[in-house]
């Protein structure tokens, strides 16, 4: 699956390359395939290192908000899964220790 996340142009150099910000990650892309004029502050969609389309700022911000929600949900699920794994593995590790029939356990 290929996702195109809106990226904000933060700089354009003399070789028609742009530095963009994609959800906090900065990268270089070529503007050579762009049909629309773009400038610093515009949002674009990128494919394999080339800017392909200019996107309306409101649509870009709506999409970025949705992506942020997806990331947040994925992180919550990952944390929940780690806790569940720890419960299962923790119980597996504790069972043999509590079940070792050692009559001196807890005595010093």
N, C-alpha and C. Protein backbone atom coordinates (compact mmCIF):
# COMPACT_ATOMS: atom_id res chain seq x y z
N UNK A 1 0.84 -1.17 0.00
CA UNK A 1 0.00 0.00 0.00
C UNK A 1 0.89 1.24 0.00
N UNK A 2 0.46 2.22 -0.71
CA UNK A 2 1.22 3.46 -0.82
C UNK A 2 0.35 4.59 -0.27
N UNK A 3 0.85 5.30 0.72
CA UNK A 3 0.13 6.43 1.28
C UNK A 3 0.82 7.72 0.85
N UNK A 4 0.05 8.67 0.48
CA UNK A 4 0.60 9.97 0.14
C UNK A 4 0.18 10.95 1.22
N UNK A 5 1.15 11.34 2.02
CA UNK A 5 0.89 12.23 3.14
C UNK A 5 1.22 13.65 2.71
N UNK A 6 0.32 14.59 2.94
CA UNK A 6 0.62 15.97 2.57
C UNK A 6 1.91 16.46 3.23
N UNK A 7 2.70 17.15 2.44
CA UNK A 7 3.98 17.68 2.93
C UNK A 7 4.02 19.18 2.66
N UNK A 8 4.53 19.91 3.61
CA UNK A 8 4.59 21.37 3.49
C UNK A 8 5.97 21.79 2.98
N UNK A 9 5.98 22.62 1.95
CA UNK A 9 7.25 23.13 1.41
C UNK A 9 7.80 24.17 2.38
N UNK A 10 9.05 23.95 2.79
CA UNK A 10 9.66 24.92 3.70
C UNK A 10 10.83 25.66 3.04
N UNK A 11 11.28 25.14 1.88
CA UNK A 11 12.36 25.82 1.17
C UNK A 11 12.42 25.30 -0.25
N UNK A 12 12.77 26.18 -1.20
CA UNK A 12 12.98 25.78 -2.59
C UNK A 12 14.34 26.30 -3.01
N UNK A 13 15.16 25.41 -3.60
CA UNK A 13 16.48 25.86 -4.02
C UNK A 13 16.51 26.19 -5.51
N UNK A 14 17.65 26.65 -6.00
CA UNK A 14 17.78 27.09 -7.40
C UNK A 14 17.73 25.93 -8.40
N UNK A 15 17.86 24.68 -7.95
CA UNK A 15 17.79 23.51 -8.83
C UNK A 15 16.38 22.92 -8.90
N UNK A 16 15.39 23.65 -8.42
CA UNK A 16 13.98 23.23 -8.43
C UNK A 16 13.72 22.04 -7.51
N UNK A 17 14.50 21.94 -6.45
CA UNK A 17 14.26 20.95 -5.40
C UNK A 17 13.69 21.67 -4.19
N UNK A 18 12.84 20.98 -3.48
CA UNK A 18 12.22 21.57 -2.30
C UNK A 18 12.57 20.75 -1.07
N UNK A 19 12.71 21.44 0.04
CA UNK A 19 12.76 20.77 1.34
C UNK A 19 11.34 20.84 1.88
N UNK A 20 10.82 19.67 2.24
CA UNK A 20 9.45 19.61 2.74
C UNK A 20 9.43 19.01 4.14
N UNK A 21 8.37 19.30 4.83
CA UNK A 21 8.13 18.73 6.16
C UNK A 21 6.93 17.81 6.06
N UNK A 22 7.18 16.52 6.33
CA UNK A 22 6.10 15.52 6.29
C UNK A 22 5.93 14.99 7.70
N UNK A 23 4.98 15.52 8.42
CA UNK A 23 4.70 15.12 9.80
C UNK A 23 5.96 15.14 10.66
N UNK A 24 6.73 16.21 10.51
CA UNK A 24 7.93 16.39 11.32
C UNK A 24 9.20 15.84 10.72
N UNK A 25 9.11 15.13 9.61
CA UNK A 25 10.29 14.58 8.93
C UNK A 25 10.60 15.47 7.74
N UNK A 26 11.84 15.96 7.69
CA UNK A 26 12.24 16.82 6.57
C UNK A 26 12.94 15.97 5.51
N UNK A 27 12.61 16.26 4.25
CA UNK A 27 13.22 15.52 3.13
C UNK A 27 13.28 16.43 1.91
N UNK A 28 14.10 16.00 0.95
CA UNK A 28 14.26 16.72 -0.30
C UNK A 28 13.42 16.04 -1.37
N UNK A 29 12.73 16.84 -2.17
CA UNK A 29 11.96 16.30 -3.29
C UNK A 29 12.19 17.19 -4.51
N UNK A 30 12.00 16.59 -5.67
CA UNK A 30 12.11 17.35 -6.91
C UNK A 30 10.75 17.95 -7.26
N UNK A 31 10.79 19.18 -7.78
CA UNK A 31 9.57 19.84 -8.24
C UNK A 31 9.44 19.75 -9.75
N UNK A 32 10.32 19.00 -10.41
CA UNK A 32 10.37 18.96 -11.88
C UNK A 32 9.09 18.44 -12.52
N UNK A 33 8.31 17.62 -11.86
CA UNK A 33 7.10 17.07 -12.46
C UNK A 33 5.84 17.85 -12.09
N UNK A 34 6.01 18.92 -11.33
CA UNK A 34 4.84 19.71 -10.91
C UNK A 34 4.27 20.51 -12.07
N UNK A 35 2.97 20.40 -12.26
CA UNK A 35 2.31 21.20 -13.28
C UNK A 35 1.88 22.55 -12.75
N UNK A 36 1.66 22.63 -11.44
CA UNK A 36 1.24 23.87 -10.80
C UNK A 36 2.44 24.63 -10.24
N UNK A 37 2.32 25.94 -10.19
CA UNK A 37 3.33 26.73 -9.49
C UNK A 37 3.16 26.51 -8.00
N UNK A 38 4.27 26.34 -7.30
CA UNK A 38 4.21 26.16 -5.85
C UNK A 38 5.24 27.07 -5.20
N UNK A 39 5.01 27.34 -3.94
CA UNK A 39 5.93 28.18 -3.19
C UNK A 39 6.05 27.71 -1.76
N UNK A 40 6.92 28.35 -1.03
CA UNK A 40 7.09 28.02 0.39
C UNK A 40 5.75 28.20 1.10
N UNK A 41 5.40 27.20 1.90
CA UNK A 41 4.13 27.21 2.64
C UNK A 41 3.04 26.41 1.97
N UNK A 42 3.22 26.07 0.68
CA UNK A 42 2.22 25.24 0.00
C UNK A 42 2.35 23.78 0.45
N UNK A 43 1.25 23.07 0.32
CA UNK A 43 1.23 21.63 0.61
C UNK A 43 1.22 20.86 -0.70
N UNK A 44 2.00 19.78 -0.74
CA UNK A 44 2.08 18.95 -1.94
C UNK A 44 1.99 17.49 -1.56
N UNK A 45 1.68 16.67 -2.56
CA UNK A 45 1.73 15.22 -2.40
C UNK A 45 2.95 14.72 -3.16
N UNK A 46 3.64 13.74 -2.61
CA UNK A 46 4.92 13.27 -3.13
C UNK A 46 4.81 11.79 -3.50
N UNK A 47 5.51 11.43 -4.57
CA UNK A 47 5.63 10.02 -4.93
C UNK A 47 7.06 9.78 -5.38
N UNK A 48 7.72 8.83 -4.78
CA UNK A 48 9.11 8.43 -5.04
C UNK A 48 10.05 9.62 -5.27
N UNK A 49 9.97 10.58 -4.39
CA UNK A 49 10.90 11.69 -4.44
C UNK A 49 10.51 12.84 -5.35
N UNK A 50 9.34 12.76 -5.96
CA UNK A 50 8.87 13.84 -6.83
C UNK A 50 7.55 14.39 -6.30
N UNK A 51 7.44 15.70 -6.29
CA UNK A 51 6.16 16.32 -5.97
C UNK A 51 5.23 16.10 -7.15
N UNK A 52 4.02 15.62 -6.85
CA UNK A 52 3.10 15.27 -7.94
C UNK A 52 1.91 16.23 -8.03
N UNK A 53 1.42 16.68 -6.88
CA UNK A 53 0.23 17.52 -6.87
C UNK A 53 0.32 18.55 -5.77
N UNK A 54 -0.27 19.70 -6.03
CA UNK A 54 -0.46 20.69 -4.98
C UNK A 54 -1.80 20.36 -4.33
N UNK A 55 -1.89 20.53 -3.02
CA UNK A 55 -3.12 20.22 -2.31
C UNK A 55 -3.54 21.44 -1.49
N UNK A 56 -4.83 21.67 -1.44
CA UNK A 56 -5.41 22.77 -0.68
C UNK A 56 -4.99 22.65 0.79
N UNK A 57 -4.66 23.79 1.41
CA UNK A 57 -4.18 23.77 2.79
C UNK A 57 -5.19 23.13 3.74
N UNK A 58 -6.47 23.48 3.60
CA UNK A 58 -7.47 22.90 4.51
C UNK A 58 -7.54 21.38 4.35
N UNK A 59 -7.54 20.90 3.11
CA UNK A 59 -7.55 19.45 2.89
C UNK A 59 -6.29 18.80 3.46
N UNK A 60 -5.15 19.48 3.29
CA UNK A 60 -3.89 18.94 3.82
C UNK A 60 -3.94 18.84 5.34
N UNK A 61 -4.41 19.91 5.99
CA UNK A 61 -4.47 19.91 7.45
C UNK A 61 -5.47 18.87 7.97
N UNK A 62 -6.61 18.73 7.26
CA UNK A 62 -7.58 17.69 7.64
C UNK A 62 -6.94 16.30 7.53
N UNK A 63 -6.21 16.06 6.45
CA UNK A 63 -5.56 14.76 6.26
C UNK A 63 -4.49 14.52 7.34
N UNK A 64 -3.69 15.54 7.62
CA UNK A 64 -2.65 15.40 8.64
C UNK A 64 -3.25 15.10 10.01
N UNK A 65 -4.38 15.73 10.32
CA UNK A 65 -5.06 15.46 11.59
C UNK A 65 -5.51 14.01 11.65
N UNK A 66 -6.04 13.51 10.55
CA UNK A 66 -6.48 12.12 10.50
C UNK A 66 -5.30 11.16 10.65
N UNK A 67 -4.19 11.45 9.96
CA UNK A 67 -2.99 10.61 10.10
C UNK A 67 -2.50 10.62 11.55
N UNK A 68 -2.53 11.78 12.20
CA UNK A 68 -2.09 11.87 13.60
C UNK A 68 -2.97 11.00 14.50
N UNK A 69 -4.28 10.99 14.23
CA UNK A 69 -5.18 10.13 15.00
C UNK A 69 -4.86 8.65 14.78
N UNK A 70 -4.57 8.29 13.53
CA UNK A 70 -4.21 6.90 13.23
C UNK A 70 -2.94 6.50 13.97
N UNK A 71 -1.93 7.36 13.94
CA UNK A 71 -0.68 7.07 14.64
C UNK A 71 -0.93 6.91 16.14
N UNK A 72 -1.74 7.81 16.70
CA UNK A 72 -2.04 7.74 18.14
C UNK A 72 -2.73 6.42 18.48
N UNK A 73 -3.69 6.01 17.66
CA UNK A 73 -4.41 4.74 17.91
C UNK A 73 -3.45 3.55 17.79
N UNK A 74 -2.55 3.60 16.80
CA UNK A 74 -1.60 2.51 16.63
C UNK A 74 -0.65 2.42 17.83
N UNK A 75 -0.22 3.59 18.35
CA UNK A 75 0.65 3.59 19.52
C UNK A 75 -0.07 3.05 20.75
N UNK A 76 -1.35 3.42 20.92
CA UNK A 76 -2.13 2.90 22.04
C UNK A 76 -2.26 1.39 21.95
N UNK A 77 -2.53 0.88 20.74
CA UNK A 77 -2.67 -0.55 20.54
C UNK A 77 -1.35 -1.26 20.81
N UNK A 78 -0.25 -0.66 20.37
CA UNK A 78 1.07 -1.25 20.60
C UNK A 78 1.37 -1.33 22.11
N UNK A 79 1.06 -0.24 22.84
CA UNK A 79 1.26 -0.24 24.30
C UNK A 79 0.40 -1.30 24.97
N UNK A 80 -0.88 -1.38 24.54
CA UNK A 80 -1.79 -2.37 25.12
C UNK A 80 -1.27 -3.79 24.85
N UNK A 81 -0.75 -4.02 23.65
CA UNK A 81 -0.23 -5.34 23.31
C UNK A 81 1.01 -5.67 24.14
N UNK A 82 1.88 -4.68 24.37
CA UNK A 82 3.07 -4.90 25.20
C UNK A 82 2.68 -5.27 26.62
N UNK A 83 1.65 -4.59 27.17
CA UNK A 83 1.18 -4.89 28.52
C UNK A 83 0.61 -6.30 28.57
N UNK A 84 -0.19 -6.66 27.56
CA UNK A 84 -0.76 -8.02 27.50
C UNK A 84 0.35 -9.06 27.40
N UNK A 85 1.35 -8.80 26.55
CA UNK A 85 2.48 -9.73 26.40
C UNK A 85 3.23 -9.88 27.72
N UNK A 86 3.41 -8.76 28.44
CA UNK A 86 4.13 -8.80 29.70
C UNK A 86 3.34 -9.60 30.74
N UNK A 87 1.99 -9.45 30.73
CA UNK A 87 1.17 -10.22 31.66
C UNK A 87 1.32 -11.71 31.38
N UNK A 88 1.23 -12.10 30.13
CA UNK A 88 1.34 -13.51 29.77
C UNK A 88 2.73 -14.03 30.07
N UNK A 89 3.74 -13.30 29.66
CA UNK A 89 5.12 -13.75 29.89
C UNK A 89 5.50 -13.66 31.37
N UNK A 90 5.01 -12.62 32.05
CA UNK A 90 5.30 -12.46 33.47
C UNK A 90 4.70 -13.59 34.28
N UNK A 91 3.47 -13.99 33.98
CA UNK A 91 2.84 -15.11 34.67
C UNK A 91 3.59 -16.41 34.38
N UNK A 92 4.05 -16.54 33.14
CA UNK A 92 4.79 -17.74 32.78
C UNK A 92 6.10 -17.82 33.54
N UNK A 93 6.74 -16.64 33.75
CA UNK A 93 8.01 -16.64 34.47
C UNK A 93 7.79 -16.86 35.97
N UNK A 94 6.68 -16.32 36.53
CA UNK A 94 6.45 -16.41 37.96
C UNK A 94 5.97 -17.79 38.38
N UNK A 95 5.27 -18.48 37.56
CA UNK A 95 4.68 -19.75 37.95
C UNK A 95 5.70 -20.76 38.45
N UNK A 96 6.81 -20.98 37.77
CA UNK A 96 7.75 -21.98 38.26
C UNK A 96 8.37 -21.58 39.61
N UNK A 97 8.59 -20.26 39.83
CA UNK A 97 9.19 -19.83 41.08
C UNK A 97 8.24 -20.05 42.26
N UNK A 98 6.96 -19.77 42.09
CA UNK A 98 6.01 -19.93 43.17
C UNK A 98 5.60 -21.39 43.38
N UNK A 99 6.04 -22.20 42.51
CA UNK A 99 5.59 -23.58 42.51
C UNK A 99 6.76 -24.54 42.69
N UNK A 100 7.85 -24.08 43.33
CA UNK A 100 9.05 -24.92 43.38
C UNK A 100 9.14 -25.78 44.64
N UNK A 101 8.13 -25.70 45.54
CA UNK A 101 8.08 -26.53 46.74
C UNK A 101 9.30 -26.34 47.66
N UNK A 102 9.82 -25.16 47.68
CA UNK A 102 10.96 -24.87 48.53
C UNK A 102 10.43 -24.54 49.93
N UNK A 103 10.73 -25.35 50.93
CA UNK A 103 10.21 -25.15 52.28
C UNK A 103 10.89 -23.99 53.00
N UNK A 104 12.02 -23.51 52.52
CA UNK A 104 12.76 -22.42 53.16
C UNK A 104 12.48 -21.07 52.53
N UNK A 105 11.57 -21.00 51.54
CA UNK A 105 11.31 -19.73 50.85
C UNK A 105 10.77 -18.73 51.87
N UNK A 106 11.33 -17.54 51.85
CA UNK A 106 10.89 -16.46 52.71
C UNK A 106 11.54 -16.48 54.08
N UNK A 107 12.33 -17.49 54.44
CA UNK A 107 13.01 -17.54 55.74
C UNK A 107 14.45 -17.11 55.54
N UNK A 108 14.98 -16.40 56.50
CA UNK A 108 16.38 -15.99 56.38
C UNK A 108 17.26 -16.69 57.38
